[in-house]
N, C-alpha and C. Protein backbone atom coordinates (compact mmCIF):
# COMPACT_ATOMS: atom_id res chain seq x y z
N MET A 1 58.11 -2.89 -15.67
CA MET A 1 57.13 -1.71 -15.63
C MET A 1 56.07 -2.60 -16.22
N TYR A 2 54.91 -1.46 -16.29
CA TYR A 2 53.70 -1.72 -17.09
C TYR A 2 52.91 -0.92 -17.06
N ARG A 3 52.20 -0.49 -18.08
CA ARG A 3 50.81 0.40 -18.29
C ARG A 3 49.53 -0.31 -18.19
N GLU A 4 48.85 1.09 -17.46
CA GLU A 4 47.49 0.56 -17.49
C GLU A 4 47.24 1.84 -17.61
N THR A 5 45.80 1.97 -18.24
CA THR A 5 44.91 2.99 -18.27
C THR A 5 44.86 3.81 -16.98
N PRO A 6 45.19 5.27 -17.17
CA PRO A 6 45.55 6.30 -16.05
C PRO A 6 44.09 6.41 -15.24
N ASP A 7 44.35 7.17 -13.76
CA ASP A 7 43.54 6.43 -13.03
C ASP A 7 42.88 8.37 -13.06
N SER A 8 43.71 9.03 -13.57
CA SER A 8 43.15 10.44 -13.65
C SER A 8 43.63 11.90 -14.57
N PRO A 9 44.69 12.68 -14.60
CA PRO A 9 44.65 13.82 -15.33
C PRO A 9 45.67 13.70 -15.19
N ILE A 10 46.54 13.57 -13.61
CA ILE A 10 47.24 13.62 -13.30
C ILE A 10 48.36 12.64 -13.61
N ASP A 11 47.61 11.54 -14.22
CA ASP A 11 48.45 9.82 -14.08
C ASP A 11 49.17 8.79 -15.11
N SER A 12 50.13 9.10 -15.43
CA SER A 12 50.40 8.54 -16.92
C SER A 12 49.82 7.40 -17.15
N GLY A 13 49.98 6.26 -16.06
CA GLY A 13 49.49 5.01 -16.04
C GLY A 13 50.57 4.08 -16.27
N TRP A 14 51.78 4.44 -16.11
CA TRP A 14 52.88 3.80 -15.66
C TRP A 14 53.03 3.46 -14.23
N ARG A 15 53.07 2.04 -14.23
CA ARG A 15 53.44 1.52 -12.57
C ARG A 15 55.13 0.52 -12.48
N PHE A 16 55.44 0.91 -11.73
CA PHE A 16 57.35 0.29 -11.72
C PHE A 16 57.64 0.09 -10.60
N PHE A 17 58.03 -2.00 -10.74
CA PHE A 17 58.35 -2.60 -9.85
C PHE A 17 59.54 -3.09 -10.21
N SER A 18 60.70 -3.22 -8.51
CA SER A 18 61.46 -3.73 -8.25
C SER A 18 62.15 -5.31 -9.28
N GLY A 19 60.81 -5.93 -9.23
CA GLY A 19 60.42 -7.15 -9.47
C GLY A 19 61.12 -8.01 -8.18
N GLU A 20 61.13 -7.76 -7.54
CA GLU A 20 61.53 -8.31 -6.10
C GLU A 20 60.03 -8.65 -5.80
N GLU A 21 59.52 -7.37 -5.22
CA GLU A 21 58.25 -7.77 -4.63
C GLU A 21 57.51 -8.96 -4.30
N SER A 22 57.16 -9.41 -2.95
CA SER A 22 55.89 -10.13 -2.66
C SER A 22 54.22 -9.78 -3.46
N GLN A 23 53.68 -10.38 -3.60
CA GLN A 23 52.32 -10.22 -3.34
C GLN A 23 51.70 -9.34 -2.12
N ALA A 24 52.49 -10.01 -0.95
CA ALA A 24 51.74 -9.70 0.02
C ALA A 24 52.20 -7.74 0.82
N TYR A 25 53.23 -7.63 -0.38
CA TYR A 25 53.77 -6.74 -0.39
C TYR A 25 52.64 -5.75 -0.92
N ALA A 26 52.63 -6.33 -2.21
CA ALA A 26 51.81 -5.58 -3.48
C ALA A 26 50.28 -5.04 -3.17
N ASP A 27 49.97 -6.01 -2.59
CA ASP A 27 48.55 -5.96 -1.57
C ASP A 27 48.51 -4.33 -0.97
N HIS A 28 49.28 -3.49 -0.62
CA HIS A 28 49.22 -3.11 0.77
C HIS A 28 49.25 -1.54 0.32
N ALA A 29 48.56 -0.77 -0.49
CA ALA A 29 48.22 0.32 -0.99
C ALA A 29 49.52 1.74 -0.29
N GLU A 30 49.35 1.10 0.31
CA GLU A 30 50.96 2.71 1.93
C GLU A 30 52.52 2.08 1.59
N ASN A 31 52.70 0.96 0.28
CA ASN A 31 53.36 0.79 0.26
C ASN A 31 54.02 1.17 -1.11
N PHE A 32 53.41 2.22 -1.94
CA PHE A 32 52.92 2.50 -2.76
C PHE A 32 53.00 4.14 -2.92
N ALA A 33 53.71 5.25 -4.08
CA ALA A 33 53.08 6.46 -3.93
C ALA A 33 53.86 6.42 -5.21
N MET A 34 52.48 8.05 -5.61
CA MET A 34 52.80 8.40 -7.15
C MET A 34 53.54 9.42 -7.17
N TYR A 35 54.21 9.12 -8.19
CA TYR A 35 55.57 10.62 -8.88
C TYR A 35 56.19 11.16 -10.06
N ASP A 36 55.74 12.11 -10.18
CA ASP A 36 56.03 12.60 -12.08
C ASP A 36 56.81 11.78 -12.55
N ILE A 37 55.93 11.49 -13.73
CA ILE A 37 56.78 10.51 -15.16
C ILE A 37 58.52 10.80 -15.22
N ASN A 38 58.43 12.24 -15.10
CA ASN A 38 59.58 13.17 -15.63
C ASN A 38 60.97 12.92 -14.14
N THR A 39 60.49 12.72 -13.36
CA THR A 39 61.37 12.03 -11.74
C THR A 39 61.86 10.86 -12.18
N ILE A 40 61.10 9.52 -12.58
CA ILE A 40 61.32 8.28 -13.10
C ILE A 40 62.32 8.55 -13.84
N ALA A 41 62.19 8.70 -15.11
CA ALA A 41 62.53 9.14 -16.01
C ALA A 41 64.40 9.79 -15.83
N ASN A 42 63.95 10.48 -14.79
CA ASN A 42 65.57 10.92 -14.66
C ASN A 42 66.70 10.52 -14.02
N CYS A 43 65.60 9.52 -12.97
CA CYS A 43 66.55 8.45 -12.26
C CYS A 43 67.27 7.15 -12.73
N ASP A 44 66.48 7.21 -14.36
CA ASP A 44 66.25 6.26 -14.93
C ASP A 44 65.81 6.17 -16.43
N PRO A 45 66.96 7.19 -17.29
CA PRO A 45 66.48 7.92 -18.13
C PRO A 45 66.59 6.38 -19.72
N THR A 46 66.92 5.61 -19.91
CA THR A 46 66.82 4.09 -20.27
C THR A 46 64.90 4.00 -20.71
N ILE A 47 64.15 4.50 -19.67
CA ILE A 47 62.83 4.46 -20.00
C ILE A 47 62.16 4.32 -20.78
N ILE A 48 62.76 6.58 -21.08
CA ILE A 48 62.27 7.12 -22.17
C ILE A 48 61.60 7.26 -23.33
N SER A 49 62.22 5.46 -23.86
CA SER A 49 61.71 5.34 -25.85
C SER A 49 60.84 4.73 -25.44
N LEU A 50 60.38 4.77 -23.99
CA LEU A 50 58.93 3.57 -23.64
C LEU A 50 57.71 4.47 -23.23
N LEU A 51 57.54 5.28 -22.51
CA LEU A 51 56.99 5.97 -22.56
C LEU A 51 55.91 6.00 -22.93
N ASP A 52 55.74 6.60 -24.96
CA ASP A 52 54.68 6.57 -25.57
C ASP A 52 53.87 4.81 -25.78
N SER A 53 54.24 4.20 -24.93
CA SER A 53 53.77 2.80 -25.23
C SER A 53 52.77 2.98 -24.73
N PRO A 54 51.48 2.07 -25.56
CA PRO A 54 50.24 1.93 -24.85
C PRO A 54 50.39 1.72 -23.85
N PRO A 55 48.60 1.77 -23.28
CA PRO A 55 48.05 1.12 -21.94
C PRO A 55 48.08 -0.24 -22.03
N GLY A 56 48.27 -1.40 -21.39
CA GLY A 56 48.01 -2.54 -21.44
C GLY A 56 50.03 -3.26 -21.92
N CYS A 57 50.71 -2.66 -22.36
CA CYS A 57 52.52 -2.70 -22.74
C CYS A 57 52.85 -3.04 -21.09
N ALA A 58 54.24 -3.76 -21.26
CA ALA A 58 54.25 -4.46 -19.76
C ALA A 58 56.32 -4.62 -20.16
N TYR A 59 57.12 -4.14 -19.92
CA TYR A 59 58.20 -4.80 -19.85
C TYR A 59 59.12 -4.62 -18.95
N ALA A 60 60.21 -5.83 -18.83
CA ALA A 60 61.31 -5.86 -18.04
C ALA A 60 62.59 -6.29 -18.39
N ARG A 61 63.24 -5.68 -17.40
CA ARG A 61 64.93 -6.13 -17.85
C ARG A 61 64.80 -7.48 -18.33
N ASN A 62 65.92 -7.93 -19.35
CA ASN A 62 66.33 -9.25 -19.59
C ASN A 62 67.78 -9.18 -18.52
N ALA A 63 67.94 -10.47 -19.28
CA ALA A 63 69.80 -10.49 -18.26
C ALA A 63 70.76 -9.77 -18.38
N ASP A 64 70.80 -8.85 -20.12
CA ASP A 64 71.57 -7.87 -20.58
C ASP A 64 71.31 -6.23 -19.93
N GLY A 65 70.49 -6.68 -19.42
CA GLY A 65 69.94 -5.38 -18.50
C GLY A 65 69.16 -4.50 -19.68
N ASP A 66 68.87 -4.62 -20.28
CA ASP A 66 67.65 -4.43 -21.85
C ASP A 66 66.53 -4.78 -21.46
N PHE A 67 65.70 -3.74 -21.81
CA PHE A 67 64.66 -3.76 -21.39
C PHE A 67 63.34 -4.08 -22.50
N GLU A 68 62.59 -5.55 -22.72
CA GLU A 68 61.91 -6.54 -23.80
C GLU A 68 60.85 -6.69 -23.43
N LEU A 69 59.61 -6.71 -24.26
CA LEU A 69 58.71 -6.43 -24.16
C LEU A 69 57.85 -8.09 -23.85
N GLU A 70 57.01 -8.04 -22.62
CA GLU A 70 56.57 -9.07 -21.49
C GLU A 70 55.10 -8.96 -21.59
N PRO A 71 54.16 -10.15 -20.91
CA PRO A 71 52.82 -10.32 -20.36
C PRO A 71 52.79 -9.61 -19.96
N VAL A 72 51.91 -8.58 -19.82
CA VAL A 72 51.34 -7.54 -18.60
C VAL A 72 50.50 -8.30 -17.11
N PRO A 73 50.96 -7.93 -16.38
CA PRO A 73 51.12 -8.78 -15.22
C PRO A 73 49.19 -8.52 -14.39
N SER A 74 49.27 -9.80 -14.45
CA SER A 74 47.79 -10.19 -13.98
C SER A 74 47.24 -9.78 -12.49
N ASP A 75 46.39 -9.78 -12.67
CA ASP A 75 45.79 -9.40 -10.82
C ASP A 75 45.36 -11.04 -10.45
N PRO A 76 46.38 -10.75 -9.50
CA PRO A 76 45.63 -11.86 -8.17
C PRO A 76 44.26 -12.10 -8.12
N ASP A 77 43.18 -10.94 -8.26
CA ASP A 77 41.89 -10.79 -7.00
C ASP A 77 41.00 -10.86 -8.61
N ALA A 78 41.02 -11.45 -9.82
CA ALA A 78 40.31 -10.78 -10.51
C ALA A 78 39.63 -12.32 -10.68
């Protein structure tokens, strides 16, 4: 999960990935959808403590399943 500057007033800025997506998959907007952040938190309450993190933060689960701060993913097209 990582946070960008929100794109709109209804965008939290959070982006969630499983970690298994290929770049080819991620390159297609039709593979993504916008959900209310509360919906995501209801599916995984362990994210709640991280939701106030500012844009530019990224977290990934470690081998124990706990979130750790990670480098923000880079845009391969940038």
